[in-house]
PDB file of N, CA and C in Angstrom:
ATOM      1  N   MET A   1      12.583  16.821 -17.010  1.00  0.00           N
ATOM      2  CA  MET A   1      11.445  16.360 -16.161  1.00  0.00           C
ATOM      3  C   MET A   1      11.560  17.353 -14.923  1.00  0.00           C
ATOM      4  N   SER A   2      10.607  17.498 -14.242  1.00  0.00           N
ATOM      5  CA  SER A   2      10.396  18.400 -13.047  1.00  0.00           C
ATOM      6  C   SER A   2      10.843  17.804 -11.811  1.00  0.00           C
ATOM      7  N   VAL A   3      11.143  18.531 -10.830  1.00  0.00           N
ATOM      8  CA  VAL A   3      11.558  18.195  -9.547  1.00  0.00           C
ATOM      9  C   VAL A   3      10.457  17.264  -8.974  1.00  0.00           C
ATOM     10  N   PHE A   4       9.213  17.782  -9.087  1.00  0.00           N
ATOM     11  CA  PHE A   4       7.965  17.103  -8.536  1.00  0.00           C
ATOM     12  C   PHE A   4       8.089  15.468  -9.160  1.00  0.00           C
ATOM     13  N   THR A   5       8.215  15.451 -10.419  1.00  0.00           N
ATOM     14  CA  THR A   5       8.445  13.944 -10.919  1.00  0.00           C
ATOM     15  C   THR A   5       9.501  13.132 -10.444  1.00  0.00           C
ATOM     16  N   TYR A   6      10.618  13.728 -10.059  1.00  0.00           N
ATOM     17  CA  TYR A   6      11.666  12.932  -9.536  1.00  0.00           C
ATOM     18  C   TYR A   6      11.325  12.723  -8.110  1.00  0.00           C
ATOM     19  N   LEU A   7      10.718  13.664  -7.317  1.00  0.00           N
ATOM     20  CA  LEU A   7      10.246  13.205  -5.957  1.00  0.00           C
ATOM     21  C   LEU A   7       9.312  11.979  -5.956  1.00  0.00           C
ATOM     22  N   LEU A   8       8.227  12.073  -6.940  1.00  0.00           N
ATOM     23  CA  LEU A   8       7.567  10.846  -7.016  1.00  0.00           C
ATOM     24  C   LEU A   8       7.985   9.578  -7.351  1.00  0.00           C
ATOM     25  N   MET A   9       9.221   9.658  -8.111  1.00  0.00           N
ATOM     26  CA  MET A   9       9.880   8.536  -8.394  1.00  0.00           C
ATOM     27  C   MET A   9      10.745   7.860  -7.344  1.00  0.00           C
ATOM     28  N   GLY A  10      11.181   8.902  -6.514  1.00  0.00           N
ATOM     29  CA  GLY A  10      11.938   8.575  -5.308  1.00  0.00           C
ATOM     30  C   GLY A  10      11.117   7.949  -4.212  1.00  0.00           C
ATOM     31  N   PHE A  11       9.795   8.588  -4.286  1.00  0.00           N
ATOM     32  CA  PHE A  11       8.976   7.933  -3.330  1.00  0.00           C
ATOM     33  C   PHE A  11       8.656   6.387  -3.823  1.00  0.00           C
ATOM     34  N   LEU A  12       8.315   6.331  -5.124  1.00  0.00           N
ATOM     35  CA  LEU A  12       8.114   4.954  -5.543  1.00  0.00           C
ATOM     36  C   LEU A  12       9.235   3.844  -5.018  1.00  0.00           C
ATOM     37  N   VAL A  13      10.546   4.263  -5.078  1.00  0.00           N
ATOM     38  CA  VAL A  13      11.554   3.549  -4.594  1.00  0.00           C
ATOM     39  C   VAL A  13      11.501   3.083  -3.322  1.00  0.00           C
ATOM     40  N   LEU A  14      11.379   4.222  -2.522  1.00  0.00           N
ATOM     41  CA  LEU A  14      11.194   4.242  -1.065  1.00  0.00           C
ATOM     42  C   LEU A  14      10.274   3.275  -0.831  1.00  0.00           C
ATOM     43  N   CYS A  15       8.939   3.242  -1.360  1.00  0.00           N
ATOM     44  CA  CYS A  15       7.707   2.374  -1.070  1.00  0.00           C
ATOM     45  C   CYS A  15       8.162   0.844  -1.415  1.00  0.00           C
ATOM     46  N   ALA A  16       8.827   0.742  -2.578  1.00  0.00           N
ATOM     47  CA  ALA A  16       9.252  -0.582  -2.952  1.00  0.00           C
ATOM     48  C   ALA A  16      10.267  -1.294  -1.786  1.00  0.00           C
ATOM     49  N   ILE A  17      11.103  -0.398  -1.469  1.00  0.00           N
ATOM     50  CA  ILE A  17      11.819  -0.910  -0.306  1.00  0.00           C
ATOM     51  C   ILE A  17      11.241  -1.341   0.800  1.00  0.00           C
ATOM     52  N   ALA A  18      10.304  -0.206   1.477  1.00  0.00           N
ATOM     53  CA  ALA A  18       9.805  -0.381   2.438  1.00  0.00           C
ATOM     54  C   ALA A  18       8.762  -1.630   2.531  1.00  0.00           C
ATOM     55  N   VAL A  19       7.986  -1.985   1.476  1.00  0.00           N
ATOM     56  CA  VAL A  19       7.127  -3.193   1.281  1.00  0.00           C
ATOM     57  C   VAL A  19       8.143  -4.327   1.672  1.00  0.00           C
ATOM     58  N   SER A  20       9.244  -4.310   0.997  1.00  0.00           N
ATOM     59  CA  SER A  20      10.243  -5.710   1.105  1.00  0.00           C
ATOM     60  C   SER A  20      10.709  -5.610   2.609  1.00  0.00           C
ATOM     61  N   LEU A  21      10.716  -4.736   3.296  1.00  0.00           N
ATOM     62  CA  LEU A  21      11.313  -4.810   4.566  1.00  0.00           C
ATOM     63  C   LEU A  21      10.236  -4.715   5.732  1.00  0.00           C
ATOM     64  N   SER A  22       9.013  -4.574   5.401  1.00  0.00           N
ATOM     65  CA  SER A  22       8.035  -4.521   6.436  1.00  0.00           C
ATOM     66  C   SER A  22       7.754  -5.833   6.836  1.00  0.00           C
ATOM     67  N   LYS A  23       7.503  -5.949   8.174  1.00  0.00           N
ATOM     68  CA  LYS A  23       7.174  -7.316   8.788  1.00  0.00           C
ATOM     69  C   LYS A  23       5.976  -7.340   9.173  1.00  0.00           C
ATOM     70  N   ASN A  24       4.983  -6.267   9.152  1.00  0.00           N
ATOM     71  CA  ASN A  24       3.554  -6.291   9.343  1.00  0.00           C
ATOM     72  C   ASN A  24       2.951  -6.368   8.048  1.00  0.00           C
ATOM     73  N   LEU A  25       2.056  -7.230   7.872  1.00  0.00           N
ATOM     74  CA  LEU A  25       1.246  -7.452   6.682  1.00  0.00           C
ATOM     75  C   LEU A  25       0.457  -6.174   6.427  1.00  0.00           C
ATOM     76  N   LEU A  26      -0.322  -5.762   7.356  1.00  0.00           N
ATOM     77  CA  LEU A  26      -1.265  -4.546   7.070  1.00  0.00           C
ATOM     78  C   LEU A  26      -0.415  -3.444   6.753  1.00  0.00           C
ATOM     79  N   ASN A  27       0.872  -3.081   7.145  1.00  0.00           N
ATOM     80  CA  ASN A  27       1.576  -1.974   6.820  1.00  0.00           C
ATOM     81  C   ASN A  27       1.961  -2.102   5.329  1.00  0.00           C
ATOM     82  N   SER A  28       2.246  -3.255   4.933  1.00  0.00           N
ATOM     83  CA  SER A  28       2.763  -3.622   3.640  1.00  0.00           C
ATOM     84  C   SER A  28       1.340  -3.376   2.637  1.00  0.00           C
ATOM     85  N   ILE A  29       0.375  -3.850   3.105  1.00  0.00           N
ATOM     86  CA  ILE A  29      -0.699  -3.370   2.081  1.00  0.00           C
ATOM     87  C   ILE A  29      -0.935  -1.899   2.024  1.00  0.00           C
ATOM     88  N   LEU A  30      -0.856  -1.106   3.333  1.00  0.00           N
ATOM     89  CA  LEU A  30      -0.962   0.319   3.153  1.00  0.00           C
ATOM     90  C   LEU A  30       0.241   1.046   2.230  1.00  0.00           C
ATOM     91  N   ILE A  31       1.420   0.452   2.407  1.00  0.00           N
ATOM     92  CA  ILE A  31       2.455   1.017   1.466  1.00  0.00           C
ATOM     93  C   ILE A  31       2.080   0.630  -0.059  1.00  0.00           C
ATOM     94  N   TYR A  32       1.724  -0.451  -0.241  1.00  0.00           N
ATOM     95  CA  TYR A  32       1.472  -0.845  -1.667  1.00  0.00           C
ATOM     96  C   TYR A  32       0.395   0.053  -2.269  1.00  0.00           C
ATOM     97  N   MET A  33      -0.761   0.448  -1.244  1.00  0.00           N
ATOM     98  CA  MET A  33      -1.812   1.314  -1.898  1.00  0.00           C
ATOM     99  C   MET A  33      -1.191   2.637  -2.118  1.00  0.00           C
ATOM    100  N   SER A  34      -0.178   3.027  -1.139  1.00  0.00           N
ATOM    101  CA  SER A  34       0.281   4.481  -1.407  1.00  0.00           C
ATOM    102  C   SER A  34       1.336   4.358  -2.942  1.00  0.00           C
ATOM    103  N   PHE A  35       1.961   3.353  -3.077  1.00  0.00           N
ATOM    104  CA  PHE A  35       2.714   3.008  -4.350  1.00  0.00           C
ATOM    105  C   PHE A  35       1.934   3.044  -5.550  1.00  0.00           C
ATOM    106  N   SER A  36       0.621   2.492  -5.621  1.00  0.00           N
ATOM    107  CA  SER A  36      -0.312   2.611  -6.623  1.00  0.00           C
ATOM    108  C   SER A  36      -0.894   3.942  -6.916  1.00  0.00           C
ATOM    109  N   LEU A  37      -1.124   4.650  -5.674  1.00  0.00           N
ATOM    110  CA  LEU A  37      -1.707   6.005  -6.019  1.00  0.00           C
ATOM    111  C   LEU A  37      -0.665   6.992  -6.514  1.00  0.00           C
ATOM    112  N   VAL A  38       0.693   6.877  -6.243  1.00  0.00           N
ATOM    113  CA  VAL A  38       1.730   7.546  -6.523  1.00  0.00           C
ATOM    114  C   VAL A  38       1.886   7.376  -8.156  1.00  0.00           C
ATOM    115  N   MET A  39       1.791   6.086  -8.449  1.00  0.00           N
ATOM    116  CA  MET A  39       2.081   5.515  -9.922  1.00  0.00           C
ATOM    117  C   MET A  39       0.791   6.107 -10.712  1.00  0.00           C
ATOM    118  N   SER A  40      -0.237   6.164 -10.159  1.00  0.00           N
ATOM    119  CA  SER A  40      -1.439   6.607 -10.994  1.00  0.00           C
ATOM    120  C   SER A  40      -1.172   8.154 -11.099  1.00  0.00           C
ATOM    121  N   ILE A  41      -0.562   8.913 -10.239  1.00  0.00           N
ATOM    122  CA  ILE A  41      -0.283  10.249 -10.493  1.00  0.00           C
ATOM    123  C   ILE A  41       0.905  10.428 -11.599  1.00  0.00           C
ATOM    124  N   ILE A  42       1.928   9.594 -11.502  1.00  0.00           N
ATOM    125  CA  ILE A  42       2.996   9.516 -12.702  1.00  0.00           C
ATOM    126  C   ILE A  42       2.179   9.406 -13.946  1.00  0.00           C
ATOM    127  N   TRP A  43       1.319   8.279 -14.051  1.00  0.00           N
ATOM    128  CA  TRP A  43       0.779   8.281 -15.240  1.00  0.00           C
ATOM    129  C   TRP A  43      -0.038   9.428 -15.819  1.00  0.00           C
ATOM    130  N   VAL A  44      -0.585  10.247 -14.932  1.00  0.00           N
ATOM    131  CA  VAL A  44      -1.332  11.473 -15.359  1.00  0.00           C
ATOM    132  C   VAL A  44      -0.138  12.425 -15.900  1.00  0.00           C
ATOM    133  N   ILE A  45       0.904  12.513 -15.238  1.00  0.00           N
ATOM    134  CA  ILE A  45       1.981  13.402 -15.752  1.00  0.00           C
ATOM    135  C   ILE A  45       2.606  12.984 -16.940  1.00  0.00           C
ATOM    136  N   LEU A  46       2.550  11.634 -17.238  1.00  0.00           N
ATOM    137  CA  LEU A  46       3.009  11.305 -18.512  1.00  0.00           C
ATOM    138  C   LEU A  46       1.735  11.223 -19.606  1.00  0.00           C
ATOM    139  N   GLU A  47       0.632  11.909 -19.379  1.00  0.00           N
ATOM    140  CA  GLU A  47      -0.391  12.114 -20.086  1.00  0.00           C
ATOM    141  C   GLU A  47      -1.151  10.889 -20.659  1.00  0.00           C
ATOM    142  N   SER A  48      -1.256   9.951 -19.700  1.00  0.00           N
ATOM    143  CA  SER A  48      -2.041   8.662 -19.896  1.00  0.00           C
ATOM    144  C   SER A  48      -2.953   8.420 -18.852  1.00  0.00           C
ATOM    145  N   PRO A  49      -3.926   9.195 -18.999  1.00  0.00           N
ATOM    146  CA  PRO A  49      -5.243   9.137 -18.053  1.00  0.00           C
ATOM    147  C   PRO A  49      -5.896   7.795 -17.992  1.00  0.00           C
ATOM    148  N   ASP A  50      -5.882   7.067 -18.957  1.00  0.00           N
ATOM    149  CA  ASP A  50      -6.766   5.779 -18.935  1.00  0.00           C
ATOM    150  C   ASP A  50      -5.935   4.789 -18.073  1.00  0.00           C
ATOM    151  N   LEU A  51      -4.606   4.683 -18.178  1.00  0.00           N
ATOM    152  CA  LEU A  51      -3.726   4.126 -17.243  1.00  0.00           C
ATOM    153  C   LEU A  51      -3.827   4.677 -15.818  1.00  0.00           C
ATOM    154  N   ALA A  52      -3.814   5.662 -15.724  1.00  0.00           N
ATOM    155  CA  ALA A  52      -4.122   6.414 -14.444  1.00  0.00           C
ATOM    156  C   ALA A  52      -5.237   5.887 -13.572  1.00  0.00           C
ATOM    157  N   ILE A  53      -6.303   6.005 -14.347  1.00  0.00           N
ATOM    158  CA  ILE A  53      -7.705   5.466 -13.907  1.00  0.00           C
ATOM    159  C   ILE A  53      -7.588   4.020 -13.473  1.00  0.00           C
ATOM    160  N   THR A  54      -7.157   3.313 -14.293  1.00  0.00           N
ATOM    161  CA  THR A  54      -6.928   1.826 -14.128  1.00  0.00           C
ATOM    162  C   THR A  54      -5.906   1.545 -12.807  1.00  0.00           C
ATOM    163  N   GLU A  55      -4.969   2.235 -12.847  1.00  0.00           N
ATOM    164  CA  GLU A  55      -3.869   1.938 -11.774  1.00  0.00           C
ATOM    165  C   GLU A  55      -4.589   2.334 -10.383  1.00  0.00           C
ATOM    166  N   ALA A  56      -5.264   3.507 -10.255  1.00  0.00           N
ATOM    167  CA  ALA A  56      -6.123   4.044  -9.120  1.00  0.00           C
ATOM    168  C   ALA A  56      -7.102   3.039  -8.920  1.00  0.00           C
ATOM    169  N   ALA A  57      -7.897   2.554  -9.795  1.00  0.00           N
ATOM    170  CA  ALA A  57      -9.105   1.777  -9.433  1.00  0.00           C
ATOM    171  C   ALA A  57      -8.487   0.161  -9.160  1.00  0.00           C
ATOM    172  N   VAL A  58      -7.759  -0.308  -9.772  1.00  0.00           N
ATOM    173  CA  VAL A  58      -7.425  -1.837  -9.783  1.00  0.00           C
ATOM    174  C   VAL A  58      -6.120  -1.960  -8.621  1.00  0.00           C
ATOM    175  N   GLY A  59      -5.194  -1.002  -8.707  1.00  0.00           N
ATOM    176  CA  GLY A  59      -4.050  -1.132  -7.991  1.00  0.00           C
ATOM    177  C   GLY A  59      -4.231  -0.680  -6.424  1.00  0.00           C
ATOM    178  N   ALA A  60      -4.815   0.437  -6.223  1.00  0.00           N
ATOM    179  CA  ALA A  60      -5.126   0.916  -5.017  1.00  0.00           C
ATOM    180  C   ALA A  60      -6.503   0.590  -4.644  1.00  0.00           C
ATOM    181  N   GLY A  61      -7.312   0.254  -5.369  1.00  0.00           N
ATOM    182  CA  GLY A  61      -8.737  -0.170  -4.774  1.00  0.00           C
ATOM    183  C   GLY A  61      -9.061  -1.561  -4.753  1.00  0.00           C
ATOM    184  N   VAL A  62      -9.251  -2.294  -5.809  1.00  0.00           N
ATOM    185  CA  VAL A  62      -9.528  -3.551  -5.841  1.00  0.00           C
ATOM    186  C   VAL A  62      -8.677  -4.625  -5.085  1.00  0.00           C
ATOM    187  N   THR A  63      -7.334  -4.473  -5.714  1.00  0.00           N
ATOM    188  CA  THR A  63      -6.224  -5.289  -5.001  1.00  0.00           C
ATOM    189  C   THR A  63      -6.147  -5.065  -3.655  1.00  0.00           C
ATOM    190  N   SER A  64      -6.162  -3.894  -3.093  1.00  0.00           N
ATOM    191  CA  SER A  64      -5.886  -3.477  -1.731  1.00  0.00           C
ATOM    192  C   SER A  64      -7.203  -4.298  -0.902  1.00  0.00           C
ATOM    193  N   ILE A  65      -8.407  -4.001  -1.372  1.00  0.00           N
ATOM    194  CA  ILE A  65      -9.586  -4.744  -0.722  1.00  0.00           C
ATOM    195  C   ILE A  65      -9.366  -6.183  -0.749  1.00  0.00           C
ATOM    196  N   LEU A  66      -8.911  -6.725  -1.911  1.00  0.00           N
ATOM    197  CA  LEU A  66      -8.636  -8.259  -1.691  1.00  0.00           C
ATOM    198  C   LEU A  66      -7.690  -8.603  -0.729  1.00  0.00           C
ATOM    199  N   PHE A  67      -6.646  -7.971  -0.629  1.00  0.00           N
ATOM    200  CA  PHE A  67      -5.581  -8.152   0.396  1.00  0.00           C
ATOM    201  C   PHE A  67      -6.253  -8.004   1.739  1.00  0.00           C
ATOM    202  N   PHE A  68      -6.928  -7.089   2.067  1.00  0.00           N
ATOM    203  CA  PHE A  68      -7.706  -6.874   3.289  1.00  0.00           C
ATOM    204  C   PHE A  68      -8.539  -8.047   3.657  1.00  0.00           C
ATOM    205  N   VAL A  69      -9.243  -8.410   2.808  1.00  0.00           N
ATOM    206  CA  VAL A  69     -10.295  -9.459   3.047  1.00  0.00           C
ATOM    207  C   VAL A  69      -9.644 -10.836   3.136  1.00  0.00           C
ATOM    208  N   THR A  70      -8.364 -10.873   2.465  1.00  0.00           N
ATOM    209  CA  THR A  70      -7.579 -12.351   2.807  1.00  0.00           C
ATOM    210  C   THR A  70      -6.815 -12.280   4.012  1.00  0.00           C
ATOM    211  N   LEU A  71      -6.497 -10.947   4.572  1.00  0.00           N
ATOM    212  CA  LEU A  71      -5.785 -11.039   5.873  1.00  0.00           C
ATOM    213  C   LEU A  71      -6.833 -11.441   6.872  1.00  0.00           C
ATOM    214  N   LYS A  72      -8.060 -10.902   6.822  1.00  0.00           N
ATOM    215  CA  LYS A  72      -9.201 -11.056   7.586  1.00  0.00           C
ATOM    216  C   LYS A  72      -9.674 -12.670   7.440  1.00  0.00           C
ATOM    217  N   LYS A  73      -9.582 -13.328   6.451  1.00  0.00           N
ATOM    218  CA  LYS A  73      -9.893 -14.639   6.362  1.00  0.00           C
ATOM    219  C   LYS A  73      -8.896 -15.525   7.092  1.00  0.00           C
ATOM    220  N   ILE A  74      -7.720 -15.262   6.901  1.00  0.00           N
ATOM    221  CA  ILE A  74      -6.651 -16.000   7.523  1.00  0.00           C
ATOM    222  C   ILE A  74      -6.322 -15.407   8.974  1.00  0.00           C
ATOM    223  N   HIS A  75      -7.258 -14.867   9.422  1.00  0.00           N
ATOM    224  CA  HIS A  75      -7.191 -14.246  10.896  1.00  0.00           C
ATOM    225  C   HIS A  75      -5.847 -13.472  11.254  1.00  0.00           C
ATOM    226  N   ALA A  76      -5.307 -12.983  10.185  1.00  0.00           N
ATOM    227  CA  ALA A  76      -3.976 -12.252  10.460  1.00  0.00           C
ATOM    228  C   ALA A  76      -4.236 -10.971  11.220  1.00  0.00           C
ATOM    229  N   ILE A  77      -5.232 -10.320  10.738  1.00  0.00           N
ATOM    230  CA  ILE A  77      -5.716  -9.145  11.639  1.00  0.00           C
ATOM    231  C   ILE A  77      -6.141  -9.318  13.080  1.00  0.00           C
ATOM    232  N   ASP A  78      -7.045 -10.220  13.173  1.00  0.00           N
ATOM    233  CA  ASP A  78      -7.552 -10.754  14.667  1.00  0.00           C
ATOM    234  C   ASP A  78      -6.461 -11.157  15.414  1.00  0.00           C
ATOM    235  N   GLU A  79      -5.575 -11.902  14.898  1.00  0.00           N
ATOM    236  CA  GLU A  79      -4.499 -12.498  15.844  1.00  0.00           C
ATOM    237  C   GLU A  79      -3.580 -11.364  16.503  1.00  0.00           C
ATOM    238  N   LYS A  80      -3.284 -10.391  15.618  1.00  0.00           N
ATOM    239  CA  LYS A  80      -2.271  -9.105  16.122  1.00  0.00           C
ATOM    240  C   LYS A  80      -3.387  -8.276  17.250  1.00  0.00           C
ATOM    241  N   GLU A  81      -4.430  -8.168  17.051  1.00  0.00           N
ATOM    242  CA  GLU A  81      -5.332  -7.419  17.667  1.00  0.00           C
ATOM    243  C   GLU A  81      -5.624  -8.081  19.347  1.00  0.00           C
ATOM    244  N   LYS A  82      -5.726  -9.547  19.251  1.00  0.00           N
ATOM    245  CA  LYS A  82      -5.522 -10.316  20.457  1.00  0.00           C
ATOM    246  C   LYS A  82      -4.369 -10.355  21.174  1.00  0.00           C
ATOM    247  N   HIS A  83      -3.395 -10.453  20.361  1.00  0.00           N
ATOM    248  CA  HIS A  83      -1.980 -10.330  20.966  1.00  0.00           C
ATOM    249  C   HIS A  83      -1.798  -8.922  21.725  1.00  0.00           C
ATOM    250  N   LYS A  84      -2.053  -7.996  21.107  1.00  0.00           N
ATOM    251  CA  LYS A  84      -1.935  -6.531  21.717  1.00  0.00           C
ATOM    252  C   LYS A  84      -2.657  -6.624  22.862  1.00  0.00           C
ATOM    253  N   LYS A  85      -3.893  -7.174  22.846  1.00  0.00           N
ATOM    254  CA  LYS A  85      -4.753  -7.053  24.033  1.00  0.00           C
ATOM    255  C   LYS A  85      -4.414  -7.989  25.321  1.00  0.00           C
ATOM    256  N   ASN A  86      -3.707  -9.239  24.730  1.00  0.00           N
ATOM    257  CA  ASN A  86      -3.066 -10.003  26.243  1.00  0.00           C
ATOM    258  C   ASN A  86      -1.794  -9.117  26.466  1.00  0.00           C
ATOM    259  N   GLU A  87      -1.132  -8.304  25.836  1.00  0.00           N
ATOM    260  CA  GLU A  87       0.167  -7.747  26.345  1.00  0.00           C
ATOM    261  C   GLU A  87      -0.352  -6.576  27.191  1.00  0.00           C
ATOM    262  N   GLN A  88      -1.471  -5.983  26.837  1.00  0.00           N
ATOM    263  CA  GLN A  88      -1.866  -4.686  27.770  1.00  0.00           C
ATOM    264  C   GLN A  88      -2.430  -5.391  28.954  1.00  0.00           C
ATOM    265  N   LYS A  89      -3.154  -6.562  28.793  1.00  0.00           N
ATOM    266  CA  LYS A  89      -3.607  -7.296  30.257  1.00  0.00           C
ATOM    267  C   LYS A  89      -2.457  -7.581  31.078  1.00  0.00           C
ATOM    268  N   LYS A  90      -1.311  -7.903  30.625  1.00  0.00           N
ATOM    269  CA  LYS A  90      -0.242  -8.361  31.475  1.00  0.00           C
ATOM    270  C   LYS A  90       0.477  -7.281  32.065  1.00  0.00           C
ATOM    271  N   ASP A  91       0.338  -5.894  31.516  1.00  0.00           N
ATOM    272  CA  ASP A  91       1.007  -4.704  32.001  1.00  0.00           C
ATOM    273  C   ASP A  91       0.153  -4.366  33.236  1.00  0.00           C
TER     274      ASP A  91
END
């Protein structure tokens, strides 16, 4: 395997650890998206373009959009913004 492949695999491990340690839900979704995109690159390297397209479309695309919609529905994104604005008003 090439050095590039090892770097990608290291990045996958780093993303998995970062998602589990992240306290911000929005950051977790963004890290998950990057995990899926790197995984699709690895599928291309492994000469499986059908899995790469599926991983990019479903993993980074549809699933992430569903996560964003869910955060919006439970008002997790709005609450953080309101909290930041209240902190700025206090200063």
